Amino acid sequence: QVQLVESGGALVQPGGSLRLSCAASGSISSFNLMGWYRQAPGKERELVATMSYSGSTNYTHSVEGRFTISRDSAKRTVSLQMNSLKPEDTAVYYCHARSFGWPATTYWGQGTQVTVSS
């Protein structure tokens, strides 16, 4: 059973930075896609950033230029570097992974809280 465990969430002031990490229980090479989603209070969960097996990345428009997704296959982690944080970035951030094959299997972490406030 694959497990994804997020860490790094915290309270940070506007303009600050945070780095979220997602540790997978197995090899991340078994995933076709990994990424980060977030859910703010009263809103639907939305995609933040993804990275494919080939290394292609995709970001939601509101975080382009501020957030960077990366992976370390040896450490079985996917990270999200978040810079120039804004109050509207406040949300629970979830790690997501999708397996190869059809139908694909999706996995979710338990979430980590990011609060941007002065």
Protein backbone atom coordinates (compact mmCIF):
# COMPACT_ATOMS: atom_id res chain seq x y z
CA GLN A 1 0.00 0.00 0.00
CA VAL A 2 1.46 3.31 -1.10
CA GLN A 3 1.59 6.07 1.47
CA LEU A 4 2.33 9.73 0.89
CA VAL A 5 3.34 11.83 3.88
CA GLU A 6 3.57 15.60 3.62
CA SER A 7 5.60 17.90 5.83
CA GLY A 8 6.70 21.50 5.95
CA GLY A 9 3.45 23.36 6.44
CA ALA A 10 3.59 26.34 8.78
CA LEU A 11 2.49 29.88 9.53
CA VAL A 12 4.48 32.36 7.46
CA GLN A 13 4.27 36.09 6.82
CA PRO A 14 3.31 37.46 3.41
CA GLY A 15 6.35 37.53 1.16
CA GLY A 16 7.94 34.63 2.98
CA SER A 17 8.95 31.19 1.77
CA LEU A 18 8.18 27.61 2.66
CA ARG A 19 9.26 24.25 1.33
CA LEU A 20 6.81 21.37 1.41
CA SER A 21 7.99 17.79 1.07
CA CYS A 22 6.11 14.63 0.24
CA ALA A 23 7.71 11.32 1.12
CA ALA A 24 6.48 8.21 -0.67
CA SER A 25 6.62 4.76 0.91
CA GLY A 26 7.75 3.19 -2.37
CA SER A 27 9.69 4.16 -5.46
CA ILE A 28 8.38 7.33 -7.06
CA SER A 29 9.44 5.89 -10.40
CA SER A 30 6.25 3.84 -10.23
CA PHE A 31 4.19 7.01 -10.57
CA ASN A 32 3.26 8.52 -13.90
CA LEU A 33 2.48 11.85 -12.27
CA MET A 34 3.07 13.47 -8.91
CA GLY A 35 2.04 16.83 -7.68
CA TRP A 36 0.48 19.16 -5.19
CA TYR A 37 -3.10 20.27 -4.74
CA ARG A 38 -4.55 22.67 -2.20
CA GLN A 39 -7.89 23.35 -0.62
CA ALA A 40 -8.79 26.61 1.06
CA PRO A 41 -11.73 26.89 3.48
CA GLY A 42 -15.02 26.91 1.60
CA LYS A 43 -13.36 26.20 -1.74
CA GLU A 44 -12.81 23.17 -3.92
CA ARG A 45 -9.49 21.38 -4.06
CA GLU A 46 -7.37 22.79 -6.87
CA LEU A 47 -4.24 21.75 -8.68
CA VAL A 48 -1.12 23.69 -7.74
CA ALA A 49 1.72 21.97 -9.56
CA THR A 50 2.49 18.62 -11.14
CA MET A 51 5.54 16.82 -12.49
CA SER A 52 5.34 13.92 -14.89
CA TYR A 53 7.59 10.87 -14.98
CA SER A 54 9.51 12.50 -17.83
CA GLY A 55 10.05 15.65 -15.78
CA SER A 56 7.51 17.91 -17.44
CA THR A 57 5.96 20.40 -15.05
CA ASN A 58 2.64 22.19 -14.92
CA TYR A 59 1.60 25.03 -12.62
CA THR A 60 -1.64 26.78 -11.98
CA HIS A 61 -1.43 30.36 -13.23
CA SER A 62 -1.60 31.96 -9.81
CA VAL A 63 1.64 30.33 -8.62
CA GLU A 64 3.74 30.49 -11.80
CA GLY A 65 7.06 32.16 -11.12
CA ARG A 66 6.67 31.77 -7.35
CA PHE A 67 6.40 28.01 -6.78
CA THR A 68 8.74 25.29 -8.02
CA ILE A 69 8.07 21.56 -7.95
CA SER A 70 10.97 19.12 -7.84
CA ARG A 71 11.68 15.50 -7.06
CA ASP A 72 14.46 13.40 -5.62
CA SER A 73 14.08 9.80 -6.74
CA ALA A 74 16.80 8.55 -4.39
CA LYS A 75 14.99 10.02 -1.39
CA ARG A 76 11.55 9.17 -2.82
CA THR A 77 10.36 12.71 -2.28
CA VAL A 78 8.57 15.40 -4.21
CA SER A 79 8.93 18.94 -2.98
CA LEU A 80 7.23 22.27 -3.52
CA GLN A 81 9.31 25.39 -2.98
CA MET A 82 6.98 28.30 -2.37
CA ASN A 83 8.32 31.85 -2.52
CA SER A 84 6.68 35.25 -2.31
CA LEU A 85 3.77 33.75 -0.45
CA LYS A 86 0.47 35.59 -0.40
CA PRO A 87 -2.49 35.36 1.99
CA GLU A 88 -4.47 33.74 -0.82
CA ASP A 89 -2.01 30.83 -0.76
CA THR A 90 -3.43 29.84 2.62
CA ALA A 91 -4.79 26.30 2.34
CA VAL A 92 -4.26 22.69 3.19
CA TYR A 93 -1.74 21.34 0.71
CA TYR A 94 -2.06 17.73 -0.43
CA CYS A 95 0.47 15.53 -2.15
CA HIS A 96 -0.94 13.51 -5.04
CA ALA A 97 0.40 10.63 -7.10
CA ARG A 98 -0.99 8.72 -10.04
CA SER A 99 0.22 5.32 -11.14
CA PHE A 100 0.93 4.12 -14.64
CA GLY A 101 -1.62 1.93 -16.38
CA TRP A 102 -5.33 2.09 -17.06
CA PRO A 103 -7.26 2.58 -14.99
CA ALA A 104 -4.67 4.49 -13.04
CA THR A 105 -4.63 4.45 -9.27
CA THR A 106 -4.44 7.74 -7.43
CA TYR A 107 -3.00 8.34 -3.99
CA TRP A 108 -3.33 11.25 -1.60
CA GLY A 109 -1.44 12.37 1.44
CA GLN A 110 -3.14 13.56 4.60
CA GLY A 111 -2.40 17.23 3.94
CA THR A 112 -0.30 19.91 5.56
CA GLN A 113 -1.55 23.36 6.59
CA VAL A 114 0.00 26.47 5.09
CA THR A 115 -1.13 29.77 6.58
CA VAL A 116 0.11 33.07 5.17
CA SER A 117 -0.69 35.89 7.54
CA SER A 118 0.91 38.83 9.27
